C-alpha atoms as a PDB file:
ATOM      1  CA  UNK A   1      73.597 186.541 118.631  1.00  0.00           C
ATOM      2  CA  UNK A   2      73.574 190.310 119.186  1.00  0.00           C
ATOM      3  CA  UNK A   3      73.085 192.949 116.505  1.00  0.00           C
ATOM      4  CA  UNK A   4      76.806 193.716 116.742  1.00  0.00           C
ATOM      5  CA  UNK A   5      77.613 190.036 116.188  1.00  0.00           C
ATOM      6  CA  UNK A   6      75.320 190.033 113.152  1.00  0.00           C
ATOM      7  CA  UNK A   7      77.110 192.830 111.348  1.00  0.00           C
ATOM      8  CA  UNK A   8      80.536 191.464 112.272  1.00  0.00           C
ATOM      9  CA  UNK A   9      79.522 188.125 110.720  1.00  0.00           C
ATOM     10  CA  UNK A  10      78.399 190.071 107.655  1.00  0.00           C
ATOM     11  CA  UNK A  11      81.793 191.817 107.422  1.00  0.00           C
ATOM     12  CA  UNK A  12      83.654 188.519 107.790  1.00  0.00           C
ATOM     13  CA  UNK A  13      81.582 186.894 105.036  1.00  0.00           C
ATOM     14  CA  UNK A  14      81.979 189.913 102.782  1.00  0.00           C
ATOM     15  CA  UNK A  15      85.743 189.728 103.257  1.00  0.00           C
ATOM     16  CA  UNK A  16      85.716 186.094 102.142  1.00  0.00           C
ATOM     17  CA  UNK A  17      83.733 186.976  99.019  1.00  0.00           C
ATOM     18  CA  UNK A  18      85.953 189.967  98.247  1.00  0.00           C
ATOM     19  CA  UNK A  19      89.034 187.746  98.409  1.00  0.00           C
ATOM     20  CA  UNK A  20      87.419 185.413  95.867  1.00  0.00           C
ATOM     21  CA  UNK A  21      86.395 188.407  93.711  1.00  0.00           C
ATOM     22  CA  UNK A  22      89.947 189.791  93.826  1.00  0.00           C
ATOM     23  CA  UNK A  23      91.224 186.591  92.230  1.00  0.00           C
ATOM     24  CA  UNK A  24      89.150 187.333  89.122  1.00  0.00           C
ATOM     25  CA  UNK A  25      90.231 190.912  88.446  1.00  0.00           C
ATOM     26  CA  UNK A  26      91.162 190.296  84.820  1.00  0.00           C
ATOM     27  CA  UNK A  27      87.667 188.971  84.169  1.00  0.00           C
ATOM     28  CA  UNK A  28      86.247 191.989  86.026  1.00  0.00           C
ATOM     29  CA  UNK A  29      88.282 194.281  83.757  1.00  0.00           C
ATOM     30  CA  UNK A  30      86.943 192.509  80.683  1.00  0.00           C
ATOM     31  CA  UNK A  31      83.355 192.870  81.898  1.00  0.00           C
ATOM     32  CA  UNK A  32      83.925 196.566  82.617  1.00  0.00           C
ATOM     33  CA  UNK A  33      84.534 197.054  78.886  1.00  0.00           C
ATOM     34  CA  UNK A  34      80.877 196.062  78.538  1.00  0.00           C
ATOM     35  CA  UNK A  35      79.892 198.357  81.450  1.00  0.00           C
ATOM     36  CA  UNK A  36      79.190 195.406  83.739  1.00  0.00           C
ATOM     37  CA  UNK A  37      80.291 195.042  87.368  1.00  0.00           C
ATOM     38  CA  UNK A  38      80.028 192.061  89.706  1.00  0.00           C
ATOM     39  CA  UNK A  39      78.885 193.589  92.983  1.00  0.00           C
ATOM     40  CA  UNK A  40      79.924 191.771  96.164  1.00  0.00           C
ATOM     41  CA  UNK A  41      77.340 191.646  98.939  1.00  0.00           C
ATOM     42  CA  UNK A  42      77.516 190.031 102.331  1.00  0.00           C
ATOM     43  CA  UNK A  43      75.887 186.860 101.081  1.00  0.00           C
ATOM     44  CA  UNK A  44      75.969 187.016  97.302  1.00  0.00           C
ATOM     45  CA  UNK A  45      77.452 188.239  94.034  1.00  0.00           C
ATOM     46  CA  UNK A  46      75.335 190.134  91.530  1.00  0.00           C
ATOM     47  CA  UNK A  47      76.036 191.443  88.041  1.00  0.00           C
ATOM     48  CA  UNK A  48      74.904 195.082  87.686  1.00  0.00           C
ATOM     49  CA  UNK A  49      75.294 197.853  85.126  1.00  0.00           C
ATOM     50  CA  UNK A  50      77.864 200.644  85.378  1.00  0.00           C
ATOM     51  CA  UNK A  51      76.733 202.294  82.157  1.00  0.00           C
ATOM     52  CA  UNK A  52      76.093 206.060  82.509  1.00  0.00           C
ATOM     53  CA  UNK A  53      72.539 205.612  81.188  1.00  0.00           C
ATOM     54  CA  UNK A  54      71.868 202.841  83.714  1.00  0.00           C
ATOM     55  CA  UNK A  55      74.240 203.654  86.613  1.00  0.00           C
ATOM     56  CA  UNK A  56      74.471 200.838  89.182  1.00  0.00           C
ATOM     57  CA  UNK A  57      71.214 199.550  87.734  1.00  0.00           C
ATOM     58  CA  UNK A  58      69.825 196.130  87.020  1.00  0.00           C
ATOM     59  CA  UNK A  59      70.821 193.870  84.148  1.00  0.00           C
ATOM     60  CA  UNK A  60      68.476 191.725  82.129  1.00  0.00           C
ATOM     61  CA  UNK A  61      69.111 188.445  80.347  1.00  0.00           C
ATOM     62  CA  UNK A  62      69.362 188.433  76.564  1.00  0.00           C
ATOM     63  CA  UNK A  63      66.630 185.852  76.372  1.00  0.00           C
ATOM     64  CA  UNK A  64      63.273 186.876  77.785  1.00  0.00           C
ATOM     65  CA  UNK A  65      64.447 190.035  79.550  1.00  0.00           C
ATOM     66  CA  UNK A  66      64.509 188.382  82.974  1.00  0.00           C
ATOM     67  CA  UNK A  67      66.129 190.523  85.666  1.00  0.00           C
ATOM     68  CA  UNK A  68      69.479 189.061  86.747  1.00  0.00           C
ATOM     69  CA  UNK A  69      69.522 188.523  90.502  1.00  0.00           C
ATOM     70  CA  UNK A  70      72.171 187.593  93.029  1.00  0.00           C
ATOM     71  CA  UNK A  71      73.859 184.249  93.530  1.00  0.00           C
ATOM     72  CA  UNK A  72      76.118 182.728  96.164  1.00  0.00           C
ATOM     73  CA  UNK A  73      78.569 181.496  93.515  1.00  0.00           C
ATOM     74  CA  UNK A  74      80.973 183.823  91.725  1.00  0.00           C
ATOM     75  CA  UNK A  75      81.226 181.571  88.687  1.00  0.00           C
ATOM     76  CA  UNK A  76      77.433 181.712  88.310  1.00  0.00           C
ATOM     77  CA  UNK A  77      77.487 185.518  88.573  1.00  0.00           C
ATOM     78  CA  UNK A  78      80.166 185.640  85.856  1.00  0.00           C
ATOM     79  CA  UNK A  79      78.087 183.340  83.651  1.00  0.00           C
ATOM     80  CA  UNK A  80      75.014 185.528  84.214  1.00  0.00           C
ATOM     81  CA  UNK A  81      77.038 188.591  83.249  1.00  0.00           C
ATOM     82  CA  UNK A  82      78.221 186.950  80.027  1.00  0.00           C
ATOM     83  CA  UNK A  83      74.596 186.216  79.101  1.00  0.00           C
ATOM     84  CA  UNK A  84      73.270 189.694  79.916  1.00  0.00           C
ATOM     85  CA  UNK A  85      71.682 192.084  77.440  1.00  0.00           C
ATOM     86  CA  UNK A  86      73.549 195.393  76.839  1.00  0.00           C
ATOM     87  CA  UNK A  87      74.045 197.258  80.111  1.00  0.00           C
ATOM     88  CA  UNK A  88      72.038 200.258  78.920  1.00  0.00           C
ATOM     89  CA  UNK A  89      68.959 198.280  77.906  1.00  0.00           C
ATOM     90  CA  UNK A  90      67.280 199.347  81.145  1.00  0.00           C
ATOM     91  CA  UNK A  91      67.256 203.147  81.579  1.00  0.00           C
ATOM     92  CA  UNK A  92      65.767 204.221  84.917  1.00  0.00           C
ATOM     93  CA  UNK A  93      65.838 207.902  84.035  1.00  0.00           C
ATOM     94  CA  UNK A  94      65.845 209.058  87.663  1.00  0.00           C
ATOM     95  CA  UNK A  95      68.480 211.667  86.854  1.00  0.00           C
ATOM     96  CA  UNK A  96      70.441 211.228  90.096  1.00  0.00           C
ATOM     97  CA  UNK A  97      73.935 212.612  89.469  1.00  0.00           C
ATOM     98  CA  UNK A  98      75.435 210.762  92.426  1.00  0.00           C
ATOM     99  CA  UNK A  99      74.502 207.428  90.798  1.00  0.00           C
ATOM    100  CA  UNK A 100      76.297 208.418  87.599  1.00  0.00           C
ATOM    101  CA  UNK A 101      79.372 209.416  89.605  1.00  0.00           C
ATOM    102  CA  UNK A 102      79.310 206.168  91.605  1.00  0.00           C
ATOM    103  CA  UNK A 103      79.059 204.048  88.461  1.00  0.00           C
ATOM    104  CA  UNK A 104      81.826 206.082  86.833  1.00  0.00           C
ATOM    105  CA  UNK A 105      84.197 205.612  89.747  1.00  0.00           C
ATOM    106  CA  UNK A 106      83.583 201.857  89.817  1.00  0.00           C
ATOM    107  CA  UNK A 107      83.967 201.590  86.041  1.00  0.00           C
ATOM    108  CA  UNK A 108      87.276 203.482  86.212  1.00  0.00           C
ATOM    109  CA  UNK A 109      88.602 201.328  89.058  1.00  0.00           C
ATOM    110  CA  UNK A 110      87.778 198.085  87.259  1.00  0.00           C
ATOM    111  CA  UNK A 111      89.707 199.256  84.195  1.00  0.00           C
ATOM    112  CA  UNK A 112      92.715 200.649  86.113  1.00  0.00           C
ATOM    113  CA  UNK A 113      93.839 197.897  88.499  1.00  0.00           C
ATOM    114  CA  UNK A 114      91.306 199.005  91.155  1.00  0.00           C
ATOM    115  CA  UNK A 115      92.961 202.431  91.501  1.00  0.00           C
ATOM    116  CA  UNK A 116      90.829 205.551  91.827  1.00  0.00           C
ATOM    117  CA  UNK A 117      93.684 208.062  92.186  1.00  0.00           C
ATOM    118  CA  UNK A 118      93.230 209.902  88.916  1.00  0.00           C
ATOM    119  CA  UNK A 119      89.538 210.513  89.591  1.00  0.00           C
ATOM    120  CA  UNK A 120      90.283 212.457  92.790  1.00  0.00           C
ATOM    121  CA  UNK A 121      91.982 215.742  92.003  1.00  0.00           C
ATOM    122  CA  UNK A 122      94.114 217.696  94.499  1.00  0.00           C
ATOM    123  CA  UNK A 123      93.782 215.053  97.233  1.00  0.00           C
ATOM    124  CA  UNK A 124      97.545 214.300  97.155  1.00  0.00           C
ATOM    125  CA  UNK A 125      97.996 215.675 100.669  1.00  0.00           C
ATOM    126  CA  UNK A 126      95.793 212.896 102.015  1.00  0.00           C
ATOM    127  CA  UNK A 127      96.708 209.814  99.976  1.00  0.00           C
ATOM    128  CA  UNK A 128      99.182 208.572  97.365  1.00  0.00           C
ATOM    129  CA  UNK A 129      96.961 205.619  96.530  1.00  0.00           C
ATOM    130  CA  UNK A 130      93.209 205.129  96.619  1.00  0.00           C
ATOM    131  CA  UNK A 131      92.220 201.505  96.053  1.00  0.00           C
ATOM    132  CA  UNK A 132      88.612 200.532  95.341  1.00  0.00           C
ATOM    133  CA  UNK A 133      87.308 197.864  97.726  1.00  0.00           C
ATOM    134  CA  UNK A 134      83.536 197.588  97.299  1.00  0.00           C
ATOM    135  CA  UNK A 135      80.342 199.611  97.082  1.00  0.00           C
ATOM    136  CA  UNK A 136      76.960 199.767  98.803  1.00  0.00           C
ATOM    137  CA  UNK A 137      78.261 198.631 102.184  1.00  0.00           C
ATOM    138  CA  UNK A 138      75.479 198.357 104.751  1.00  0.00           C
ATOM    139  CA  UNK A 139      76.612 196.693 107.949  1.00  0.00           C
ATOM    140  CA  UNK A 140      74.740 197.971 110.974  1.00  0.00           C
ATOM    141  CA  UNK A 141      75.690 201.629 111.430  1.00  0.00           C
ATOM    142  CA  UNK A 142      78.608 201.299 109.006  1.00  0.00           C
ATOM    143  CA  UNK A 143      77.371 202.468 105.634  1.00  0.00           C
ATOM    144  CA  UNK A 144      79.060 203.891 102.552  1.00  0.00           C
ATOM    145  CA  UNK A 145      78.405 204.292  98.845  1.00  0.00           C
ATOM    146  CA  UNK A 146      82.010 203.237  98.223  1.00  0.00           C
ATOM    147  CA  UNK A 147      84.685 201.805 100.515  1.00  0.00           C
ATOM    148  CA  UNK A 148      88.265 202.449  99.442  1.00  0.00           C
ATOM    149  CA  UNK A 149      91.684 201.953 100.995  1.00  0.00           C
ATOM    150  CA  UNK A 150      93.837 205.070 101.116  1.00  0.00           C
ATOM    151  CA  UNK A 151      97.608 204.864 101.240  1.00  0.00           C
ATOM    152  CA  UNK A 152     100.120 207.495 102.326  1.00  0.00           C
ATOM    153  CA  UNK A 153     103.801 206.911 102.978  1.00  0.00           C
ATOM    154  CA  UNK A 154     103.367 203.135 103.231  1.00  0.00           C
ATOM    155  CA  UNK A 155     100.516 203.365 105.751  1.00  0.00           C
ATOM    156  CA  UNK A 156      96.971 202.485 104.780  1.00  0.00           C
ATOM    157  CA  UNK A 157      93.578 203.489 106.160  1.00  0.00           C
ATOM    158  CA  UNK A 158      89.893 203.087 105.236  1.00  0.00           C
ATOM    159  CA  UNK A 159      88.180 205.797 103.197  1.00  0.00           C
ATOM    160  CA  UNK A 160      84.382 205.913 103.394  1.00  0.00           C
ATOM    161  CA  UNK A 161      83.072 207.691 100.291  1.00  0.00           C
ATOM    162  CA  UNK A 162      79.587 209.186 100.355  1.00  0.00           C
ATOM    163  CA  UNK A 163      78.118 210.706  97.171  1.00  0.00           C
ATOM    164  CA  UNK A 164      75.315 213.165  97.788  1.00  0.00           C
ATOM    165  CA  UNK A 165      72.948 215.252  95.699  1.00  0.00           C
ATOM    166  CA  UNK A 166      72.018 217.457  98.681  1.00  0.00           C
ATOM    167  CA  UNK A 167      74.661 219.669 100.244  1.00  0.00           C
ATOM    168  CA  UNK A 168      74.190 218.866 103.932  1.00  0.00           C
ATOM    169  CA  UNK A 169      76.611 217.651 106.590  1.00  0.00           C
ATOM    170  CA  UNK A 170      74.069 216.587 109.197  1.00  0.00           C
ATOM    171  CA  UNK A 171      73.762 212.880 108.452  1.00  0.00           C
ATOM    172  CA  UNK A 172      77.279 212.214 107.183  1.00  0.00           C
ATOM    173  CA  UNK A 173      79.014 213.797 110.176  1.00  0.00           C
ATOM    174  CA  UNK A 174      76.798 211.787 112.521  1.00  0.00           C
ATOM    175  CA  UNK A 175      77.648 208.686 110.459  1.00  0.00           C
ATOM    176  CA  UNK A 176      81.397 209.232 110.830  1.00  0.00           C
ATOM    177  CA  UNK A 177      81.008 209.809 114.561  1.00  0.00           C
ATOM    178  CA  UNK A 178      79.159 206.486 114.917  1.00  0.00           C
ATOM    179  CA  UNK A 179      81.718 204.585 112.827  1.00  0.00           C
ATOM    180  CA  UNK A 180      84.585 205.987 114.919  1.00  0.00           C
ATOM    181  CA  UNK A 181      82.808 204.948 118.113  1.00  0.00           C
ATOM    182  CA  UNK A 182      82.095 201.429 116.836  1.00  0.00           C
ATOM    183  CA  UNK A 183      85.666 200.917 115.661  1.00  0.00           C
ATOM    184  CA  UNK A 184      87.075 201.987 119.006  1.00  0.00           C
ATOM    185  CA  UNK A 185      86.391 198.361 120.007  1.00  0.00           C
ATOM    186  CA  UNK A 186      88.970 195.843 118.827  1.00  0.00           C
ATOM    187  CA  UNK A 187      86.262 193.198 118.328  1.00  0.00           C
ATOM    188  CA  UNK A 188      84.791 195.357 115.562  1.00  0.00           C
ATOM    189  CA  UNK A 189      87.993 196.865 114.177  1.00  0.00           C
ATOM    190  CA  UNK A 190      89.887 193.610 113.539  1.00  0.00           C
ATOM    191  CA  UNK A 191      87.358 191.940 111.174  1.00  0.00           C
ATOM    192  CA  UNK A 192      86.840 195.200 109.279  1.00  0.00           C
ATOM    193  CA  UNK A 193      90.576 195.650 108.711  1.00  0.00           C
ATOM    194  CA  UNK A 194      90.813 191.975 107.741  1.00  0.00           C
ATOM    195  CA  UNK A 195      88.113 192.577 105.097  1.00  0.00           C
ATOM    196  CA  UNK A 196      90.193 195.415 103.616  1.00  0.00           C
ATOM    197  CA  UNK A 197      93.320 193.259 103.653  1.00  0.00           C
ATOM    198  CA  UNK A 198      91.611 190.317 101.948  1.00  0.00           C
ATOM    199  CA  UNK A 199      90.169 192.577  99.272  1.00  0.00           C
ATOM    200  CA  UNK A 200      93.517 194.180  98.390  1.00  0.00           C
ATOM    201  CA  UNK A 201      96.368 191.926  99.487  1.00  0.00           C
ATOM    202  CA  UNK A 202      97.698 194.757 101.686  1.00  0.00           C
ATOM    203  CA  UNK A 203      98.852 193.236 105.023  1.00  0.00           C
ATOM    204  CA  UNK A 204      96.450 193.955 107.872  1.00  0.00           C
ATOM    205  CA  UNK A 205      99.363 195.198 109.997  1.00  0.00           C
ATOM    206  CA  UNK A 206      99.819 198.079 107.507  1.00  0.00           C
ATOM    207  CA  UNK A 207      96.195 199.254 107.851  1.00  0.00           C
ATOM    208  CA  UNK A 208      95.438 201.780 110.609  1.00  0.00           C
ATOM    209  CA  UNK A 209      91.770 202.443 111.268  1.00  0.00           C
ATOM    210  CA  UNK A 210      92.435 205.502 113.416  1.00  0.00           C
ATOM    211  CA  UNK A 211      93.580 207.384 110.301  1.00  0.00           C
ATOM    212  CA  UNK A 212      90.310 206.741 108.455  1.00  0.00           C
ATOM    213  CA  UNK A 213      88.650 209.402 106.310  1.00  0.00           C
ATOM    214  CA  UNK A 214      85.060 210.157 105.395  1.00  0.00           C
ATOM    215  CA  UNK A 215      85.089 211.724 101.952  1.00  0.00           C
ATOM    216  CA  UNK A 216      81.812 213.408 101.085  1.00  0.00           C
ATOM    217  CA  UNK A 217      81.297 214.541  97.493  1.00  0.00           C
ATOM    218  CA  UNK A 218      78.356 216.535  96.157  1.00  0.00           C
ATOM    219  CA  UNK A 219      77.547 218.724  93.138  1.00  0.00           C
ATOM    220  CA  UNK A 220      79.427 221.991  92.840  1.00  0.00           C
ATOM    221  CA  UNK A 221      77.463 225.150  93.547  1.00  0.00           C
ATOM    222  CA  UNK A 222      75.891 226.815  90.550  1.00  0.00           C
ATOM    223  CA  UNK A 223      77.509 230.086  91.625  1.00  0.00           C
ATOM    224  CA  UNK A 224      80.938 228.485  91.997  1.00  0.00           C
ATOM    225  CA  UNK A 225      81.186 229.802  95.579  1.00  0.00           C
ATOM    226  CA  UNK A 226      81.343 227.226  98.390  1.00  0.00           C
ATOM    227  CA  UNK A 227      79.421 228.299 101.480  1.00  0.00           C
ATOM    228  CA  UNK A 228      79.054 224.992 103.337  1.00  0.00           C
ATOM    229  CA  UNK A 229      81.537 224.890 106.224  1.00  0.00           C
ATOM    230  CA  UNK A 230      83.108 221.547 107.067  1.00  0.00           C
ATOM    231  CA  UNK A 231      84.883 223.103 110.047  1.00  0.00           C
ATOM    232  CA  UNK A 232      81.595 224.334 111.515  1.00  0.00           C
ATOM    233  CA  UNK A 233      80.024 220.912 110.979  1.00  0.00           C
ATOM    234  CA  UNK A 234      82.607 219.112 113.132  1.00  0.00           C
ATOM    235  CA  UNK A 235      82.873 221.796 115.824  1.00  0.00           C
ATOM    236  CA  UNK A 236      79.588 220.917 117.503  1.00  0.00           C
ATOM    237  CA  UNK A 237      79.648 219.414 120.983  1.00  0.00           C
ATOM    238  CA  UNK A 238      79.966 215.640 120.868  1.00  0.00           C
ATOM    239  CA  UNK A 239      81.706 215.509 117.489  1.00  0.00           C
ATOM    240  CA  UNK A 240      85.295 215.591 118.759  1.00  0.00           C
ATOM    241  CA  UNK A 241      86.025 212.180 117.206  1.00  0.00           C
ATOM    242  CA  UNK A 242      85.190 213.505 113.755  1.00  0.00           C
ATOM    243  CA  UNK A 243      87.783 216.280 113.629  1.00  0.00           C
ATOM    244  CA  UNK A 244      90.682 215.501 111.339  1.00  0.00           C
ATOM    245  CA  UNK A 245      88.770 212.847 109.397  1.00  0.00           C
ATOM    246  CA  UNK A 246      86.329 214.723 107.132  1.00  0.00           C
ATOM    247  CA  UNK A 247      87.128 215.592 103.501  1.00  0.00           C
ATOM    248  CA  UNK A 248      84.801 217.434 101.144  1.00  0.00           C
ATOM    249  CA  UNK A 249      84.873 217.100  97.366  1.00  0.00           C
ATOM    250  CA  UNK A 250      82.750 218.360  94.495  1.00  0.00           C
ATOM    251  CA  UNK A 251      81.764 216.994  91.110  1.00  0.00           C
ATOM    252  CA  UNK A 252      80.319 218.779  88.115  1.00  0.00           C
ATOM    253  CA  UNK A 253      76.559 218.809  87.779  1.00  0.00           C
ATOM    254  CA  UNK A 254      76.070 216.349  84.916  1.00  0.00           C
ATOM    255  CA  UNK A 255      73.377 217.775  82.648  1.00  0.00           C
ATOM    256  CA  UNK A 256      74.202 214.783  80.473  1.00  0.00           C
ATOM    257  CA  UNK A 257      77.094 212.287  80.614  1.00  0.00           C
ATOM    258  CA  UNK A 258      80.202 213.598  78.841  1.00  0.00           C
ATOM    259  CA  UNK A 259      83.095 211.371  77.844  1.00  0.00           C
ATOM    260  CA  UNK A 260      81.128 208.485  79.308  1.00  0.00           C
ATOM    261  CA  UNK A 261      81.001 209.718  82.900  1.00  0.00           C
ATOM    262  CA  UNK A 262      81.112 212.857  85.025  1.00  0.00           C
ATOM    263  CA  UNK A 263      82.973 211.194  87.859  1.00  0.00           C
ATOM    264  CA  UNK A 264      85.974 213.381  88.670  1.00  0.00           C
ATOM    265  CA  UNK A 265      85.984 214.585  92.297  1.00  0.00           C
ATOM    266  CA  UNK A 266      87.745 217.884  93.053  1.00  0.00           C
ATOM    267  CA  UNK A 267      89.039 218.653  96.538  1.00  0.00           C
ATOM    268  CA  UNK A 268      87.140 221.406  98.285  1.00  0.00           C
ATOM    269  CA  UNK A 269      87.933 221.439 102.031  1.00  0.00           C
ATOM    270  CA  UNK A 270      88.888 219.410 105.094  1.00  0.00           C
ATOM    271  CA  UNK A 271      87.973 219.490 108.760  1.00  0.00           C
END
């Protein structure tokens, strides 16, 4: 089996697990009230924290403080979550704002029927809906902190969300270029779209990969003046596929979590 076959198998399996996860959304909403999220991986489910003091961090059991790991069964993951100590018991203290934002977006989606719309301000031009799919996707060269499904005028498309603490386009533009090249092949595109469909219930025929977006969000400048140029980033030779697909957003620098989370993304620019 080739490397390409390996990641396609991973995407297929993740789609199966996301479909199972989708059937338990009311339980996921209940867990979110305790700042707990059942993360879906390619081969397992794992209960993790989405508390602002322990963003996307590990959970421990109430008895003995054992770290809660992954499991192939969703019902076991739900049982583990119900037996977990408070989500903020473990406090990594690494101070990474992008982790707080990621946890906040997931927490919001779980409590609002998987919709992220209200956390993305002034993005109406690009989507009417933004549906949370999954996080921490790592399938070959396809990687994203959050995968969402954008909707505009009845058409849907993948949105790859990258949350960064460093204001640099170099890696993310290269990443989008690689994803566009991979998905040019139907053998790769079909299972990926099927994963999105299974996770949301949106028919695969309504999902168009060619309209995909890479949404990069990073802390606002301390001066309030944006100097990074998205247009310049995609104008380099060899990056023709990227043009028309890159969105830039900003979030406040969270000196400390306010109102639970600093996870509102404000539109900045497009390219």
